Amino acid sequence: MLPLGDPRGGDTTHGGTAARDRALDQLEAARADLVPAARAIAVELGAGGASVTSPQVLVELRKRGWGAELDAVDLRFMGAVFRAGWERVGWVTGKASPGSHARPVAVWRRK
């Protein structure tokens, strides 16, 4: 696991947080079907203090029949899934983050 800092260089200063929150609000509204389903799966996977990543949730969504919906949307909606009640505890890359094309993926744990 990588250190806790954001390896993507995200800007949370100078309005970055407000812009991010607006974008997440829009994603949540636009994907009102997928976000709650993904959240429920994330909570299941994170039971007992287990860590969870977006790729893990996406794999489980596909197993549960959401494949066609996932194929039709931009997967950035997953940012809205972990926006409340979760804390980022690190990052993974490579084989530890399947489907991410070796990009860093946040590791989350329930607060």
N, C-alpha and C. Protein backbone atom coordinates (compact mmCIF):
# COMPACT_ATOMS: atom_id res chain seq x y z
N MET A 1 0.85 -1.18 0.00
CA MET A 1 0.00 0.00 0.00
C MET A 1 0.89 1.23 0.00
N LEU A 2 0.49 2.23 -0.76
CA LEU A 2 1.23 3.48 -0.84
C LEU A 2 0.91 4.37 0.36
N PRO A 3 1.71 5.41 0.60
CA PRO A 3 1.42 6.34 1.70
C PRO A 3 0.05 7.00 1.52
N LEU A 4 -0.43 7.59 2.60
CA LEU A 4 -1.77 8.15 2.64
C LEU A 4 -1.95 9.37 1.75
N GLY A 5 -0.94 10.16 1.49
CA GLY A 5 -1.09 11.34 0.64
C GLY A 5 -1.67 11.00 -0.72
N ASP A 6 -2.15 11.98 -1.45
CA ASP A 6 -2.80 11.75 -2.74
C ASP A 6 -1.77 11.72 -3.86
N PRO A 7 -1.46 10.52 -4.42
CA PRO A 7 -0.46 10.46 -5.47
C PRO A 7 -0.94 11.07 -6.78
N ARG A 8 -2.22 11.37 -6.88
CA ARG A 8 -2.76 11.98 -8.10
C ARG A 8 -2.59 13.48 -8.10
N GLY A 9 -2.20 14.06 -6.96
CA GLY A 9 -1.99 15.50 -6.89
C GLY A 9 -3.27 16.31 -6.85
N GLY A 10 -4.34 15.76 -6.28
CA GLY A 10 -5.62 16.46 -6.24
C GLY A 10 -5.56 17.77 -5.48
N ASP A 11 -6.27 18.78 -5.97
CA ASP A 11 -6.27 20.10 -5.36
C ASP A 11 -7.48 20.24 -4.45
N THR A 12 -7.24 20.36 -3.15
CA THR A 12 -8.34 20.61 -2.22
C THR A 12 -8.22 22.00 -1.62
N THR A 13 -7.48 22.86 -2.30
CA THR A 13 -7.36 24.26 -1.87
C THR A 13 -7.93 25.16 -2.94
N HIS A 14 -8.11 26.41 -2.64
CA HIS A 14 -8.56 27.40 -3.61
C HIS A 14 -9.82 26.97 -4.36
N GLY A 15 -10.79 26.47 -3.63
CA GLY A 15 -12.05 26.11 -4.27
C GLY A 15 -12.10 24.68 -4.77
N GLY A 16 -11.01 23.94 -4.68
CA GLY A 16 -10.99 22.56 -5.14
C GLY A 16 -12.00 21.69 -4.40
N THR A 17 -12.13 21.88 -3.10
CA THR A 17 -13.08 21.09 -2.31
C THR A 17 -14.51 21.40 -2.72
N ALA A 18 -14.84 22.66 -2.88
CA ALA A 18 -16.20 23.05 -3.27
C ALA A 18 -16.52 22.52 -4.67
N ALA A 19 -15.58 22.62 -5.57
CA ALA A 19 -15.80 22.11 -6.94
C ALA A 19 -15.98 20.60 -6.92
N ARG A 20 -15.17 19.92 -6.12
CA ARG A 20 -15.29 18.47 -5.99
C ARG A 20 -16.66 18.09 -5.44
N ASP A 21 -17.11 18.80 -4.41
CA ASP A 21 -18.41 18.50 -3.81
C ASP A 21 -19.54 18.72 -4.81
N ARG A 22 -19.47 19.77 -5.60
CA ARG A 22 -20.49 20.01 -6.63
C ARG A 22 -20.49 18.88 -7.67
N ALA A 23 -19.30 18.46 -8.07
CA ALA A 23 -19.20 17.37 -9.05
C ALA A 23 -19.76 16.07 -8.48
N LEU A 24 -19.48 15.79 -7.22
CA LEU A 24 -20.01 14.57 -6.60
C LEU A 24 -21.52 14.63 -6.45
N ASP A 25 -22.05 15.83 -6.14
CA ASP A 25 -23.51 16.00 -6.08
C ASP A 25 -24.14 15.67 -7.43
N GLN A 26 -23.53 16.16 -8.49
CA GLN A 26 -24.05 15.91 -9.84
C GLN A 26 -23.96 14.43 -10.20
N LEU A 27 -22.85 13.80 -9.86
CA LEU A 27 -22.70 12.36 -10.14
C LEU A 27 -23.75 11.55 -9.39
N GLU A 28 -23.95 11.90 -8.13
CA GLU A 28 -24.91 11.16 -7.31
C GLU A 28 -26.32 11.29 -7.87
N ALA A 29 -26.68 12.47 -8.35
CA ALA A 29 -28.01 12.69 -8.92
C ALA A 29 -28.14 11.96 -10.26
N ALA A 30 -27.10 12.01 -11.07
CA ALA A 30 -27.15 11.40 -12.40
C ALA A 30 -27.15 9.87 -12.33
N ARG A 31 -26.58 9.32 -11.31
CA ARG A 31 -26.48 7.85 -11.16
C ARG A 31 -27.24 7.39 -9.91
N ALA A 32 -28.46 7.90 -9.78
CA ALA A 32 -29.26 7.63 -8.58
C ALA A 32 -29.56 6.15 -8.40
N ASP A 33 -29.44 5.35 -9.45
CA ASP A 33 -29.64 3.91 -9.34
C ASP A 33 -28.36 3.20 -8.89
N LEU A 34 -27.24 3.57 -9.47
CA LEU A 34 -25.98 2.88 -9.21
C LEU A 34 -25.32 3.24 -7.89
N VAL A 35 -25.36 4.51 -7.51
CA VAL A 35 -24.65 4.94 -6.30
C VAL A 35 -25.16 4.21 -5.06
N PRO A 36 -26.47 4.13 -4.82
CA PRO A 36 -26.92 3.40 -3.62
C PRO A 36 -26.57 1.91 -3.66
N ALA A 37 -26.65 1.30 -4.84
CA ALA A 37 -26.29 -0.12 -4.96
C ALA A 37 -24.81 -0.32 -4.65
N ALA A 38 -23.98 0.56 -5.20
CA ALA A 38 -22.54 0.47 -4.96
C ALA A 38 -22.21 0.74 -3.49
N ARG A 39 -22.90 1.70 -2.88
CA ARG A 39 -22.68 1.99 -1.46
C ARG A 39 -23.00 0.79 -0.60
N ALA A 40 -24.13 0.14 -0.89
CA ALA A 40 -24.54 -1.03 -0.11
C ALA A 40 -23.49 -2.13 -0.21
N ILE A 41 -22.97 -2.33 -1.40
CA ILE A 41 -21.93 -3.35 -1.59
C ILE A 41 -20.66 -2.95 -0.85
N ALA A 42 -20.27 -1.68 -0.92
CA ALA A 42 -19.08 -1.21 -0.22
C ALA A 42 -19.22 -1.44 1.29
N VAL A 43 -20.40 -1.17 1.82
CA VAL A 43 -20.64 -1.39 3.25
C VAL A 43 -20.50 -2.88 3.58
N GLU A 44 -21.07 -3.74 2.74
CA GLU A 44 -20.93 -5.18 2.94
C GLU A 44 -19.46 -5.60 2.94
N LEU A 45 -18.74 -5.16 1.91
CA LEU A 45 -17.33 -5.53 1.79
C LEU A 45 -16.49 -4.97 2.93
N GLY A 46 -16.89 -3.82 3.46
CA GLY A 46 -16.14 -3.18 4.53
C GLY A 46 -16.56 -3.59 5.93
N ALA A 47 -17.46 -4.57 6.02
CA ALA A 47 -17.92 -5.01 7.35
C ALA A 47 -16.75 -5.50 8.18
N GLY A 48 -16.82 -5.22 9.47
CA GLY A 48 -15.79 -5.68 10.39
C GLY A 48 -14.47 -4.96 10.25
N GLY A 49 -14.49 -3.77 9.62
CA GLY A 49 -13.27 -2.99 9.50
C GLY A 49 -12.41 -3.34 8.30
N ALA A 50 -12.93 -4.16 7.39
CA ALA A 50 -12.16 -4.52 6.20
C ALA A 50 -11.99 -3.31 5.29
N SER A 51 -10.90 -3.27 4.56
CA SER A 51 -10.68 -2.18 3.62
C SER A 51 -11.35 -2.52 2.29
N VAL A 52 -11.69 -1.47 1.53
CA VAL A 52 -12.44 -1.62 0.28
C VAL A 52 -11.86 -0.67 -0.77
N THR A 53 -11.87 -1.12 -2.03
CA THR A 53 -11.47 -0.26 -3.14
C THR A 53 -12.61 -0.20 -4.15
N SER A 54 -12.59 0.83 -4.98
CA SER A 54 -13.60 0.95 -6.04
C SER A 54 -13.60 -0.27 -6.97
N PRO A 55 -12.44 -0.77 -7.42
CA PRO A 55 -12.47 -1.94 -8.28
C PRO A 55 -13.15 -3.16 -7.63
N GLN A 56 -12.98 -3.33 -6.33
CA GLN A 56 -13.66 -4.44 -5.65
C GLN A 56 -15.17 -4.27 -5.72
N VAL A 57 -15.64 -3.06 -5.51
CA VAL A 57 -17.08 -2.79 -5.57
C VAL A 57 -17.60 -3.00 -6.99
N LEU A 58 -16.85 -2.54 -7.99
CA LEU A 58 -17.27 -2.71 -9.38
C LEU A 58 -17.36 -4.18 -9.78
N VAL A 59 -16.41 -4.99 -9.33
CA VAL A 59 -16.46 -6.43 -9.61
C VAL A 59 -17.74 -7.02 -9.02
N GLU A 60 -18.05 -6.65 -7.80
CA GLU A 60 -19.24 -7.19 -7.15
C GLU A 60 -20.52 -6.68 -7.81
N LEU A 61 -20.55 -5.42 -8.24
CA LEU A 61 -21.72 -4.91 -8.97
C LEU A 61 -21.97 -5.75 -10.22
N ARG A 62 -20.92 -6.07 -10.95
CA ARG A 62 -21.07 -6.90 -12.16
C ARG A 62 -21.60 -8.29 -11.81
N LYS A 63 -21.09 -8.87 -10.75
CA LYS A 63 -21.56 -10.19 -10.32
C LYS A 63 -23.06 -10.17 -9.99
N ARG A 64 -23.54 -9.03 -9.54
CA ARG A 64 -24.94 -8.91 -9.13
C ARG A 64 -25.84 -8.37 -10.23
N GLY A 65 -25.34 -8.36 -11.45
CA GLY A 65 -26.20 -8.04 -12.59
C GLY A 65 -26.22 -6.60 -13.06
N TRP A 66 -25.29 -5.77 -12.62
CA TRP A 66 -25.25 -4.37 -13.02
C TRP A 66 -24.31 -4.12 -14.19
N GLY A 67 -23.85 -5.18 -14.86
CA GLY A 67 -22.87 -5.03 -15.93
C GLY A 67 -23.29 -4.11 -17.05
N ALA A 68 -24.51 -4.25 -17.54
CA ALA A 68 -24.98 -3.41 -18.65
C ALA A 68 -24.99 -1.93 -18.25
N GLU A 69 -25.44 -1.65 -17.04
CA GLU A 69 -25.46 -0.27 -16.56
C GLU A 69 -24.04 0.29 -16.43
N LEU A 70 -23.13 -0.53 -15.92
CA LEU A 70 -21.74 -0.07 -15.76
C LEU A 70 -21.09 0.19 -17.11
N ASP A 71 -21.41 -0.64 -18.10
CA ASP A 71 -20.84 -0.46 -19.43
C ASP A 71 -21.34 0.82 -20.10
N ALA A 72 -22.47 1.33 -19.66
CA ALA A 72 -23.10 2.49 -20.29
C ALA A 72 -22.75 3.83 -19.62
N VAL A 73 -21.98 3.79 -18.53
CA VAL A 73 -21.70 5.03 -17.79
C VAL A 73 -20.21 5.22 -17.56
N ASP A 74 -19.86 6.45 -17.22
CA ASP A 74 -18.50 6.80 -16.80
C ASP A 74 -18.35 6.33 -15.35
N LEU A 75 -17.34 5.55 -15.08
CA LEU A 75 -17.19 4.95 -13.76
C LEU A 75 -16.74 5.92 -12.68
N ARG A 76 -16.56 7.18 -13.04
CA ARG A 76 -16.20 8.17 -12.01
C ARG A 76 -17.32 8.39 -11.00
N PHE A 77 -18.50 7.84 -11.26
CA PHE A 77 -19.57 7.94 -10.26
C PHE A 77 -19.14 7.31 -8.94
N MET A 78 -18.15 6.42 -8.98
CA MET A 78 -17.70 5.75 -7.76
C MET A 78 -17.17 6.74 -6.73
N GLY A 79 -16.76 7.93 -7.16
CA GLY A 79 -16.32 8.93 -6.20
C GLY A 79 -17.40 9.30 -5.21
N ALA A 80 -18.65 9.23 -5.64
CA ALA A 80 -19.76 9.56 -4.76
C ALA A 80 -20.04 8.45 -3.75
N VAL A 81 -19.63 7.24 -4.06
CA VAL A 81 -19.90 6.10 -3.18
C VAL A 81 -19.20 6.25 -1.84
N PHE A 82 -17.96 6.71 -1.87
CA PHE A 82 -17.15 6.77 -0.64
C PHE A 82 -17.09 8.17 -0.04
N ARG A 83 -18.01 9.02 -0.41
CA ARG A 83 -17.88 10.42 0.01
C ARG A 83 -18.23 10.66 1.47
N ALA A 84 -19.06 9.87 2.09
CA ALA A 84 -19.42 10.09 3.50
C ALA A 84 -19.37 8.78 4.27
N GLY A 85 -18.84 8.85 5.48
CA GLY A 85 -18.80 7.67 6.34
C GLY A 85 -17.59 6.77 6.11
N TRP A 86 -16.67 7.22 5.25
CA TRP A 86 -15.48 6.44 4.92
C TRP A 86 -14.25 7.30 5.14
N GLU A 87 -13.11 6.66 5.41
CA GLU A 87 -11.85 7.38 5.45
C GLU A 87 -10.86 6.67 4.55
N ARG A 88 -10.09 7.46 3.83
CA ARG A 88 -9.06 6.89 2.96
C ARG A 88 -7.90 6.49 3.85
N VAL A 89 -7.48 5.24 3.74
CA VAL A 89 -6.41 4.73 4.59
C VAL A 89 -5.14 4.42 3.81
N GLY A 90 -5.16 4.62 2.50
CA GLY A 90 -3.97 4.39 1.70
C GLY A 90 -4.31 4.27 0.23
N TRP A 91 -3.34 3.76 -0.53
CA TRP A 91 -3.47 3.61 -1.98
C TRP A 91 -2.87 2.29 -2.39
N VAL A 92 -3.38 1.70 -3.46
CA VAL A 92 -2.79 0.51 -4.05
C VAL A 92 -2.62 0.75 -5.55
N THR A 93 -1.70 0.00 -6.15
CA THR A 93 -1.50 0.08 -7.60
C THR A 93 -1.22 -1.32 -8.13
N GLY A 94 -1.14 -1.42 -9.44
CA GLY A 94 -0.76 -2.68 -10.08
C GLY A 94 -1.78 -3.78 -9.87
N LYS A 95 -1.30 -4.98 -9.58
CA LYS A 95 -2.17 -6.14 -9.43
C LYS A 95 -3.15 -5.99 -8.26
N ALA A 96 -2.81 -5.14 -7.32
CA ALA A 96 -3.70 -4.93 -6.18
C ALA A 96 -4.90 -4.06 -6.53
N SER A 97 -4.90 -3.48 -7.74
CA SER A 97 -6.02 -2.64 -8.16
C SER A 97 -6.46 -3.04 -9.57
N PRO A 98 -7.05 -4.23 -9.71
CA PRO A 98 -7.43 -4.72 -11.05
C PRO A 98 -8.38 -3.76 -11.76
N GLY A 99 -8.15 -3.59 -13.04
CA GLY A 99 -9.02 -2.72 -13.83
C GLY A 99 -8.65 -1.26 -13.79
N SER A 100 -7.62 -0.90 -13.03
CA SER A 100 -7.26 0.51 -12.89
C SER A 100 -6.14 0.92 -13.83
N HIS A 101 -5.67 0.02 -14.66
CA HIS A 101 -4.57 0.30 -15.59
C HIS A 101 -3.35 0.83 -14.86
N ALA A 102 -3.07 0.23 -13.70
CA ALA A 102 -1.90 0.55 -12.86
C ALA A 102 -1.94 1.95 -12.25
N ARG A 103 -3.08 2.62 -12.34
CA ARG A 103 -3.22 3.92 -11.67
C ARG A 103 -3.44 3.69 -10.18
N PRO A 104 -3.04 4.63 -9.34
CA PRO A 104 -3.30 4.49 -7.91
C PRO A 104 -4.81 4.47 -7.63
N VAL A 105 -5.21 3.60 -6.74
CA VAL A 105 -6.61 3.47 -6.33
C VAL A 105 -6.67 3.64 -4.82
N ALA A 106 -7.59 4.48 -4.36
CA ALA A 106 -7.74 4.71 -2.92
C ALA A 106 -8.26 3.46 -2.23
N VAL A 107 -7.75 3.24 -1.02
CA VAL A 107 -8.23 2.18 -0.14
C VAL A 107 -9.03 2.86 0.96
N TRP A 108 -10.25 2.37 1.17
CA TRP A 108 -11.20 3.00 2.10
C TRP A 108 -11.55 2.07 3.24
N ARG A 109 -11.88 2.66 4.39
CA ARG A 109 -12.37 1.92 5.55
C ARG A 109 -13.49 2.74 6.18
N ARG A 110 -14.51 2.06 6.69
CA ARG A 110 -15.62 2.77 7.34
C ARG A 110 -15.11 3.51 8.57
N LYS A 111 -15.66 4.72 8.79
CA LYS A 111 -15.31 5.51 9.98
C LYS A 111 -15.97 4.92 11.20
